Amino acid sequence: ECQNPGACSQTCINKVGSYECLCH
């Protein structure tokens, strides 16, 4: 999902079957 620039506001971490968004 992190290949989509809009998946997260800032940092995107791909996981198996999901993803995680983090802020700076």
mmCIF file of all heavy atoms, coordinates in Angstrom:
data_MODEL
# 
_entry.id   MODEL 
# 
loop_
_atom_site.group_PDB 
_atom_site.id 
_atom_site.type_symbol 
_atom_site.label_atom_id 
_atom_site.label_alt_id 
_atom_site.label_comp_id 
_atom_site.label_asym_id 
_atom_site.label_entity_id 
_atom_site.label_seq_id 
_atom_site.pdbx_PDB_ins_code 
_atom_site.Cartn_x 
_atom_site.Cartn_y 
_atom_site.Cartn_z 
_atom_site.occupancy 
_atom_site.B_iso_or_equiv 
_atom_site.pdbx_formal_charge 
_atom_site.auth_seq_id 
_atom_site.auth_comp_id 
_atom_site.auth_asym_id 
_atom_site.auth_atom_id 
_atom_site.pdbx_PDB_model_num 
ATOM 1   N N   . GLU A 1 1  ? 0.823  -1.215  0.000  1.00 0.00 ? 1  GLU A N   1 
ATOM 2   C CA  . GLU A 1 1  ? 0.000  0.000   0.000  1.00 0.00 ? 1  GLU A CA  1 
ATOM 3   C C   . GLU A 1 1  ? 0.852  1.258   0.000  1.00 0.00 ? 1  GLU A C   1 
ATOM 4   O O   . GLU A 1 1  ? 0.378  2.323   -0.403 1.00 0.00 ? 1  GLU A O   1 
ATOM 5   C CB  . GLU A 1 1  ? -0.924 0.010   1.222  1.00 0.00 ? 1  GLU A CB  1 
ATOM 6   C CG  . GLU A 1 1  ? -2.002 -1.066  1.217  1.00 0.00 ? 1  GLU A CG  1 
ATOM 7   C CD  . GLU A 1 1  ? -1.546 -2.372  1.842  1.00 0.00 ? 1  GLU A CD  1 
ATOM 8   O OE1 . GLU A 1 1  ? -0.326 -2.492  2.139  1.00 0.00 ? 1  GLU A OE1 1 
ATOM 9   O OE2 . GLU A 1 1  ? -2.386 -3.252  2.049  1.00 0.00 ? 1  GLU A OE2 1 
ATOM 10  N N   . CYS A 1 2  ? 2.094  1.160   0.434  1.00 0.00 ? 2  CYS A N   1 
ATOM 11  C CA  . CYS A 1 2  ? 2.967  2.333   0.516  1.00 0.00 ? 2  CYS A CA  1 
ATOM 12  C C   . CYS A 1 2  ? 3.384  2.847   -0.862 1.00 0.00 ? 2  CYS A C   1 
ATOM 13  O O   . CYS A 1 2  ? 3.962  3.940   -0.965 1.00 0.00 ? 2  CYS A O   1 
ATOM 14  C CB  . CYS A 1 2  ? 4.193  2.021   1.360  1.00 0.00 ? 2  CYS A CB  1 
ATOM 15  S SG  . CYS A 1 2  ? 3.806  1.656   3.095  1.00 0.00 ? 2  CYS A SG  1 
ATOM 16  N N   . GLN A 1 3  ? 3.121  2.071   -1.913 1.00 0.00 ? 3  GLN A N   1 
ATOM 17  C CA  . GLN A 1 3  ? 3.387  2.552   -3.264 1.00 0.00 ? 3  GLN A CA  1 
ATOM 18  C C   . GLN A 1 3  ? 2.415  3.650   -3.661 1.00 0.00 ? 3  GLN A C   1 
ATOM 19  O O   . GLN A 1 3  ? 2.670  4.401   -4.605 1.00 0.00 ? 3  GLN A O   1 
ATOM 20  C CB  . GLN A 1 3  ? 3.317  1.399   -4.268 1.00 0.00 ? 3  GLN A CB  1 
ATOM 21  C CG  . GLN A 1 3  ? 4.411  0.359   -4.082 1.00 0.00 ? 3  GLN A CG  1 
ATOM 22  C CD  . GLN A 1 3  ? 5.798  0.948   -4.226 1.00 0.00 ? 3  GLN A CD  1 
ATOM 23  O OE1 . GLN A 1 3  ? 6.098  1.679   -5.180 1.00 0.00 ? 3  GLN A OE1 1 
ATOM 24  N NE2 . GLN A 1 3  ? 6.661  0.655   -3.252 1.00 0.00 ? 3  GLN A NE2 1 
ATOM 25  N N   . ASN A 1 4  ? 1.303  3.748   -2.956 1.00 0.00 ? 4  ASN A N   1 
ATOM 26  C CA  . ASN A 1 4  ? 0.342  4.826   -3.173 1.00 0.00 ? 4  ASN A CA  1 
ATOM 27  C C   . ASN A 1 4  ? 0.756  6.014   -2.321 1.00 0.00 ? 4  ASN A C   1 
ATOM 28  O O   . ASN A 1 4  ? 0.754  5.928   -1.093 1.00 0.00 ? 4  ASN A O   1 
ATOM 29  C CB  . ASN A 1 4  ? -1.057 4.366   -2.780 1.00 0.00 ? 4  ASN A CB  1 
ATOM 30  C CG  . ASN A 1 4  ? -2.083 5.489   -2.842 1.00 0.00 ? 4  ASN A CG  1 
ATOM 31  O OD1 . ASN A 1 4  ? -1.803 6.577   -3.351 1.00 0.00 ? 4  ASN A OD1 1 
ATOM 32  N ND2 . ASN A 1 4  ? -3.255 5.239   -2.310 1.00 0.00 ? 4  ASN A ND2 1 
ATOM 33  N N   . PRO A 1 5  ? 1.145  7.143   -2.938 1.00 0.00 ? 5  PRO A N   1 
ATOM 34  C CA  . PRO A 1 5  ? 1.656  8.276   -2.149 1.00 0.00 ? 5  PRO A CA  1 
ATOM 35  C C   . PRO A 1 5  ? 0.671  8.769   -1.103 1.00 0.00 ? 5  PRO A C   1 
ATOM 36  O O   . PRO A 1 5  ? 1.074  9.338   -0.091 1.00 0.00 ? 5  PRO A O   1 
ATOM 37  C CB  . PRO A 1 5  ? 1.912  9.354   -3.218 1.00 0.00 ? 5  PRO A CB  1 
ATOM 38  C CG  . PRO A 1 5  ? 2.052  8.620   -4.490 1.00 0.00 ? 5  PRO A CG  1 
ATOM 39  C CD  . PRO A 1 5  ? 1.157  7.430   -4.383 1.00 0.00 ? 5  PRO A CD  1 
ATOM 40  N N   . GLY A 1 6  ? -0.611 8.580   -1.323 1.00 0.00 ? 6  GLY A N   1 
ATOM 41  C CA  . GLY A 1 6  ? -1.607 9.072   -0.386 1.00 0.00 ? 6  GLY A CA  1 
ATOM 42  C C   . GLY A 1 6  ? -2.023 8.074   0.669  1.00 0.00 ? 6  GLY A C   1 
ATOM 43  O O   . GLY A 1 6  ? -2.940 8.344   1.455  1.00 0.00 ? 6  GLY A O   1 
ATOM 44  N N   . ALA A 1 7  ? -1.361 6.926   0.734  1.00 0.00 ? 7  ALA A N   1 
ATOM 45  C CA  . ALA A 1 7  ? -1.730 5.930   1.738  1.00 0.00 ? 7  ALA A CA  1 
ATOM 46  C C   . ALA A 1 7  ? -1.539 6.488   3.140  1.00 0.00 ? 7  ALA A C   1 
ATOM 47  O O   . ALA A 1 7  ? -2.336 6.212   4.044  1.00 0.00 ? 7  ALA A O   1 
ATOM 48  C CB  . ALA A 1 7  ? -0.908 4.657   1.550  1.00 0.00 ? 7  ALA A CB  1 
ATOM 49  N N   . CYS A 1 8  ? -0.488 7.254   3.344  1.00 0.00 ? 8  CYS A N   1 
ATOM 50  C CA  . CYS A 1 8  ? -0.197 7.879   4.641  1.00 0.00 ? 8  CYS A CA  1 
ATOM 51  C C   . CYS A 1 8  ? 0.184  9.333   4.423  1.00 0.00 ? 8  CYS A C   1 
ATOM 52  O O   . CYS A 1 8  ? 0.745  9.691   3.384  1.00 0.00 ? 8  CYS A O   1 
ATOM 53  C CB  . CYS A 1 8  ? 0.946  7.164   5.356  1.00 0.00 ? 8  CYS A CB  1 
ATOM 54  S SG  . CYS A 1 8  ? 0.620  5.458   5.826  1.00 0.00 ? 8  CYS A SG  1 
ATOM 55  N N   . SER A 1 9  ? -0.100 10.150  5.420  1.00 0.00 ? 9  SER A N   1 
ATOM 56  C CA  . SER A 1 9  ? 0.331  11.543  5.367  1.00 0.00 ? 9  SER A CA  1 
ATOM 57  C C   . SER A 1 9  ? 1.840  11.653  5.217  1.00 0.00 ? 9  SER A C   1 
ATOM 58  O O   . SER A 1 9  ? 2.342  12.436  4.413  1.00 0.00 ? 9  SER A O   1 
ATOM 59  C CB  . SER A 1 9  ? -0.076 12.278  6.654  1.00 0.00 ? 9  SER A CB  1 
ATOM 60  O OG  . SER A 1 9  ? -1.420 12.627  6.656  1.00 0.00 ? 9  SER A OG  1 
ATOM 61  N N   . GLN A 1 10 ? 2.565  10.854  5.995  1.00 0.00 ? 10 GLN A N   1 
ATOM 62  C CA  . GLN A 1 10 ? 4.010  10.995  6.024  1.00 0.00 ? 10 GLN A CA  1 
ATOM 63  C C   . GLN A 1 10 ? 4.702  9.644   5.840  1.00 0.00 ? 10 GLN A C   1 
ATOM 64  O O   . GLN A 1 10 ? 4.807  9.161   4.728  1.00 0.00 ? 10 GLN A O   1 
ATOM 65  C CB  . GLN A 1 10 ? 4.422  11.713  7.317  1.00 0.00 ? 10 GLN A CB  1 
ATOM 66  C CG  . GLN A 1 10 ? 3.860  13.141  7.368  1.00 0.00 ? 10 GLN A CG  1 
ATOM 67  C CD  . GLN A 1 10 ? 4.280  13.940  8.578  1.00 0.00 ? 10 GLN A CD  1 
ATOM 68  O OE1 . GLN A 1 10 ? 4.861  13.431  9.524  1.00 0.00 ? 10 GLN A OE1 1 
ATOM 69  N NE2 . GLN A 1 10 ? 3.984  15.235  8.565  1.00 0.00 ? 10 GLN A NE2 1 
ATOM 70  N N   . THR A 1 11 ? 5.135  8.999   6.903  1.00 0.00 ? 11 THR A N   1 
ATOM 71  C CA  . THR A 1 11 ? 5.860  7.743   6.770  1.00 0.00 ? 11 THR A CA  1 
ATOM 72  C C   . THR A 1 11 ? 4.899  6.568   6.655  1.00 0.00 ? 11 THR A C   1 
ATOM 73  O O   . THR A 1 11 ? 3.957  6.448   7.436  1.00 0.00 ? 11 THR A O   1 
ATOM 74  C CB  . THR A 1 11 ? 6.795  7.526   7.973  1.00 0.00 ? 11 THR A CB  1 
ATOM 75  O OG1 . THR A 1 11 ? 7.730  8.596   8.029  1.00 0.00 ? 11 THR A OG1 1 
ATOM 76  C CG2 . THR A 1 11 ? 7.537  6.208   7.847  1.00 0.00 ? 11 THR A CG2 1 
ATOM 77  N N   . CYS A 1 12 ? 5.163  5.689   5.695  1.00 0.00 ? 12 CYS A N   1 
ATOM 78  C CA  . CYS A 1 12 ? 4.338  4.496   5.481  1.00 0.00 ? 12 CYS A CA  1 
ATOM 79  C C   . CYS A 1 12 ? 5.241  3.264   5.605  1.00 0.00 ? 12 CYS A C   1 
ATOM 80  O O   . CYS A 1 12 ? 6.298  3.196   4.969  1.00 0.00 ? 12 CYS A O   1 
ATOM 81  C CB  . CYS A 1 12 ? 3.680  4.533   4.110  1.00 0.00 ? 12 CYS A CB  1 
ATOM 82  S SG  . CYS A 1 12 ? 2.601  3.120   3.762  1.00 0.00 ? 12 CYS A SG  1 
ATOM 83  N N   . ILE A 1 13 ? 4.828  2.303   6.413  1.00 0.00 ? 13 ILE A N   1 
ATOM 84  C CA  . ILE A 1 13 ? 5.568  1.052   6.592  1.00 0.00 ? 13 ILE A CA  1 
ATOM 85  C C   . ILE A 1 13 ? 4.678  -0.095  6.133  1.00 0.00 ? 13 ILE A C   1 
ATOM 86  O O   . ILE A 1 13 ? 3.619  -0.341  6.716  1.00 0.00 ? 13 ILE A O   1 
ATOM 87  C CB  . ILE A 1 13 ? 5.982  0.853   8.059  1.00 0.00 ? 13 ILE A CB  1 
ATOM 88  C CG1 . ILE A 1 13 ? 6.881  2.010   8.515  1.00 0.00 ? 13 ILE A CG1 1 
ATOM 89  C CG2 . ILE A 1 13 ? 6.703  -0.484  8.234  1.00 0.00 ? 13 ILE A CG2 1 
ATOM 90  C CD1 . ILE A 1 13 ? 7.241  1.956   9.978  1.00 0.00 ? 13 ILE A CD1 1 
ATOM 91  N N   . ASN A 1 14 ? 5.100  -0.772  5.077  1.00 0.00 ? 14 ASN A N   1 
ATOM 92  C CA  . ASN A 1 14 ? 4.309  -1.895  4.585  1.00 0.00 ? 14 ASN A CA  1 
ATOM 93  C C   . ASN A 1 14 ? 4.482  -3.110  5.481  1.00 0.00 ? 14 ASN A C   1 
ATOM 94  O O   . ASN A 1 14 ? 5.587  -3.400  5.963  1.00 0.00 ? 14 ASN A O   1 
ATOM 95  C CB  . ASN A 1 14 ? 4.727  -2.245  3.156  1.00 0.00 ? 14 ASN A CB  1 
ATOM 96  C CG  . ASN A 1 14 ? 3.827  -3.306  2.549  1.00 0.00 ? 14 ASN A CG  1 
ATOM 97  O OD1 . ASN A 1 14 ? 2.618  -3.155  2.531  1.00 0.00 ? 14 ASN A OD1 1 
ATOM 98  N ND2 . ASN A 1 14 ? 4.419  -4.383  2.066  1.00 0.00 ? 14 ASN A ND2 1 
ATOM 99  N N   . LYS A 1 15 ? 3.385  -3.830  5.714  1.00 0.00 ? 15 LYS A N   1 
ATOM 100 C CA  . LYS A 1 15 ? 3.391  -5.068  6.472  1.00 0.00 ? 15 LYS A CA  1 
ATOM 101 C C   . LYS A 1 15 ? 2.633  -6.121  5.681  1.00 0.00 ? 15 LYS A C   1 
ATOM 102 O O   . LYS A 1 15 ? 1.918  -5.795  4.728  1.00 0.00 ? 15 LYS A O   1 
ATOM 103 C CB  . LYS A 1 15 ? 2.752  -4.858  7.852  1.00 0.00 ? 15 LYS A CB  1 
ATOM 104 C CG  . LYS A 1 15 ? 3.513  -3.891  8.734  1.00 0.00 ? 15 LYS A CG  1 
ATOM 105 C CD  . LYS A 1 15 ? 2.937  -3.839  10.134 1.00 0.00 ? 15 LYS A CD  1 
ATOM 106 C CE  . LYS A 1 15 ? 3.801  -2.981  11.047 1.00 0.00 ? 15 LYS A CE  1 
ATOM 107 N NZ  . LYS A 1 15 ? 3.283  -2.976  12.446 1.00 0.00 ? 15 LYS A NZ  1 
ATOM 108 N N   . VAL A 1 16 ? 2.794  -7.371  6.066  1.00 0.00 ? 16 VAL A N   1 
ATOM 109 C CA  . VAL A 1 16 ? 2.111  -8.457  5.355  1.00 0.00 ? 16 VAL A CA  1 
ATOM 110 C C   . VAL A 1 16 ? 0.611  -8.328  5.594  1.00 0.00 ? 16 VAL A C   1 
ATOM 111 O O   . VAL A 1 16 ? 0.130  -8.486  6.712  1.00 0.00 ? 16 VAL A O   1 
ATOM 112 C CB  . VAL A 1 16 ? 2.617  -9.833  5.821  1.00 0.00 ? 16 VAL A CB  1 
ATOM 113 C CG1 . VAL A 1 16 ? 1.851  -10.933 5.110  1.00 0.00 ? 16 VAL A CG1 1 
ATOM 114 C CG2 . VAL A 1 16 ? 4.107  -9.960  5.564  1.00 0.00 ? 16 VAL A CG2 1 
ATOM 115 N N   . GLY A 1 17 ? -0.106 -7.999  4.542  1.00 0.00 ? 17 GLY A N   1 
ATOM 116 C CA  . GLY A 1 17 ? -1.547 -7.868  4.616  1.00 0.00 ? 17 GLY A CA  1 
ATOM 117 C C   . GLY A 1 17 ? -2.049 -6.544  5.132  1.00 0.00 ? 17 GLY A C   1 
ATOM 118 O O   . GLY A 1 17 ? -3.256 -6.333  5.218  1.00 0.00 ? 17 GLY A O   1 
ATOM 119 N N   . SER A 1 18 ? -1.166 -5.641  5.466  1.00 0.00 ? 18 SER A N   1 
ATOM 120 C CA  . SER A 1 18 ? -1.594 -4.353  5.999  1.00 0.00 ? 18 SER A CA  1 
ATOM 121 C C   . SER A 1 18 ? -0.451 -3.340  5.859  1.00 0.00 ? 18 SER A C   1 
ATOM 122 O O   . SER A 1 18 ? 0.560  -3.615  5.218  1.00 0.00 ? 18 SER A O   1 
ATOM 123 C CB  . SER A 1 18 ? -2.010 -4.486  7.461  1.00 0.00 ? 18 SER A CB  1 
ATOM 124 O OG  . SER A 1 18 ? -0.897 -4.837  8.257  1.00 0.00 ? 18 SER A OG  1 
ATOM 125 N N   . TYR A 1 19 ? -0.621 -2.179  6.477  1.00 0.00 ? 19 TYR A N   1 
ATOM 126 C CA  . TYR A 1 19 ? 0.434  -1.173  6.498  1.00 0.00 ? 19 TYR A CA  1 
ATOM 127 C C   . TYR A 1 19 ? 0.252  -0.294  7.727  1.00 0.00 ? 19 TYR A C   1 
ATOM 128 O O   . TYR A 1 19 ? -0.786 -0.337  8.402  1.00 0.00 ? 19 TYR A O   1 
ATOM 129 C CB  . TYR A 1 19 ? 0.427  -0.323  5.227  1.00 0.00 ? 19 TYR A CB  1 
ATOM 130 C CG  . TYR A 1 19 ? -0.815 0.530   5.035  1.00 0.00 ? 19 TYR A CG  1 
ATOM 131 C CD1 . TYR A 1 19 ? -0.787 1.893   5.307  1.00 0.00 ? 19 TYR A CD1 1 
ATOM 132 C CD2 . TYR A 1 19 ? -2.001 -0.021  4.563  1.00 0.00 ? 19 TYR A CD2 1 
ATOM 133 C CE1 . TYR A 1 19 ? -1.915 2.683   5.127  1.00 0.00 ? 19 TYR A CE1 1 
ATOM 134 C CE2 . TYR A 1 19 ? -3.135 0.757   4.381  1.00 0.00 ? 19 TYR A CE2 1 
ATOM 135 C CZ  . TYR A 1 19 ? -3.085 2.102   4.663  1.00 0.00 ? 19 TYR A CZ  1 
ATOM 136 O OH  . TYR A 1 19 ? -4.195 2.885   4.495  1.00 0.00 ? 19 TYR A OH  1 
ATOM 137 N N   . GLU A 1 20 ? 1.270  0.489   8.011  1.00 0.00 ? 20 GLU A N   1 
ATOM 138 C CA  . GLU A 1 20 ? 1.281  1.307   9.213  1.00 0.00 ? 20 GLU A CA  1 
ATOM 139 C C   . GLU A 1 20 ? 1.690  2.734   8.841  1.00 0.00 ? 20 GLU A C   1 
ATOM 140 O O   . GLU A 1 20 ? 2.614  2.944   8.063  1.00 0.00 ? 20 GLU A O   1 
ATOM 141 C CB  . GLU A 1 20 ? 2.276  0.711   10.216 1.00 0.00 ? 20 GLU A CB  1 
ATOM 142 C CG  . GLU A 1 20 ? 2.303  1.379   11.565 1.00 0.00 ? 20 GLU A CG  1 
ATOM 143 C CD  . GLU A 1 20 ? 3.271  0.688   12.515 1.00 0.00 ? 20 GLU A CD  1 
ATOM 144 O OE1 . GLU A 1 20 ? 3.980  -0.245  12.062 1.00 0.00 ? 20 GLU A OE1 1 
ATOM 145 O OE2 . GLU A 1 20 ? 3.331  1.085   13.680 1.00 0.00 ? 20 GLU A OE2 1 
ATOM 146 N N   . CYS A 1 21 ? 0.986  3.710   9.403  1.00 0.00 ? 21 CYS A N   1 
ATOM 147 C CA  . CYS A 1 21 ? 1.300  5.120   9.163  1.00 0.00 ? 21 CYS A CA  1 
ATOM 148 C C   . CYS A 1 21 ? 1.905  5.743   10.422 1.00 0.00 ? 21 CYS A C   1 
ATOM 149 O O   . CYS A 1 21 ? 1.382  5.551   11.525 1.00 0.00 ? 21 CYS A O   1 
ATOM 150 C CB  . CYS A 1 21 ? 0.039  5.889   8.774  1.00 0.00 ? 21 CYS A CB  1 
ATOM 151 S SG  . CYS A 1 21 ? -0.677 5.416   7.188  1.00 0.00 ? 21 CYS A SG  1 
ATOM 152 N N   . LEU A 1 22 ? 2.985  6.477   10.233 1.00 0.00 ? 22 LEU A N   1 
ATOM 153 C CA  . LEU A 1 22 ? 3.651  7.159   11.341 1.00 0.00 ? 22 LEU A CA  1 
ATOM 154 C C   . LEU A 1 22 ? 3.827  8.636   10.998 1.00 0.00 ? 22 LEU A C   1 
ATOM 155 O O   . LEU A 1 22 ? 3.912  9.008   9.820  1.00 0.00 ? 22 LEU A O   1 
ATOM 156 C CB  . LEU A 1 22 ? 5.022  6.545   11.619 1.00 0.00 ? 22 LEU A CB  1 
ATOM 157 C CG  . LEU A 1 22 ? 5.057  5.049   11.966 1.00 0.00 ? 22 LEU A CG  1 
ATOM 158 C CD1 . LEU A 1 22 ? 6.501  4.592   12.098 1.00 0.00 ? 22 LEU A CD1 1 
ATOM 159 C CD2 . LEU A 1 22 ? 4.290  4.778   13.251 1.00 0.00 ? 22 LEU A CD2 1 
ATOM 160 N N   . CYS A 1 23 ? 3.888  9.451   12.027 1.00 0.00 ? 23 CYS A N   1 
ATOM 161 C CA  . CYS A 1 23 ? 4.114  10.879  11.843 1.00 0.00 ? 23 CYS A CA  1 
ATOM 162 C C   . CYS A 1 23 ? 5.544  11.233  12.219 1.00 0.00 ? 23 CYS A C   1 
ATOM 163 O O   . CYS A 1 23 ? 6.132  10.636  13.121 1.00 0.00 ? 23 CYS A O   1 
ATOM 164 C CB  . CYS A 1 23 ? 3.147  11.691  12.710 1.00 0.00 ? 23 CYS A CB  1 
ATOM 165 S SG  . CYS A 1 23 ? 1.417  11.530  12.224 1.00 0.00 ? 23 CYS A SG  1 
ATOM 166 N N   . HIS A 1 24 ? 6.108  12.234  11.548 1.00 0.00 ? 24 HIS A N   1 
ATOM 167 C CA  . HIS A 1 24 ? 7.435  12.727  11.863 1.00 0.00 ? 24 HIS A CA  1 
ATOM 168 C C   . HIS A 1 24 ? 7.421  13.521  13.167 1.00 0.00 ? 24 HIS A C   1 
ATOM 169 O O   . HIS A 1 24 ? 6.363  13.930  13.654 1.00 0.00 ? 24 HIS A O   1 
ATOM 170 C CB  . HIS A 1 24 ? 7.946  13.624  10.732 1.00 0.00 ? 24 HIS A CB  1 
ATOM 171 C CG  . HIS A 1 24 ? 8.162  12.889  9.453  1.00 0.00 ? 24 HIS A CG  1 
ATOM 172 N ND1 . HIS A 1 24 ? 8.650  13.504  8.324  1.00 0.00 ? 24 HIS A ND1 1 
ATOM 173 C CD2 . HIS A 1 24 ? 7.949  11.606  9.107  1.00 0.00 ? 24 HIS A CD2 1 
ATOM 174 C CE1 . HIS A 1 24 ? 8.734  12.630  7.341  1.00 0.00 ? 24 HIS A CE1 1 
ATOM 175 N NE2 . HIS A 1 24 ? 8.316  11.473  7.798  1.00 0.00 ? 24 HIS A NE2 1 
# 
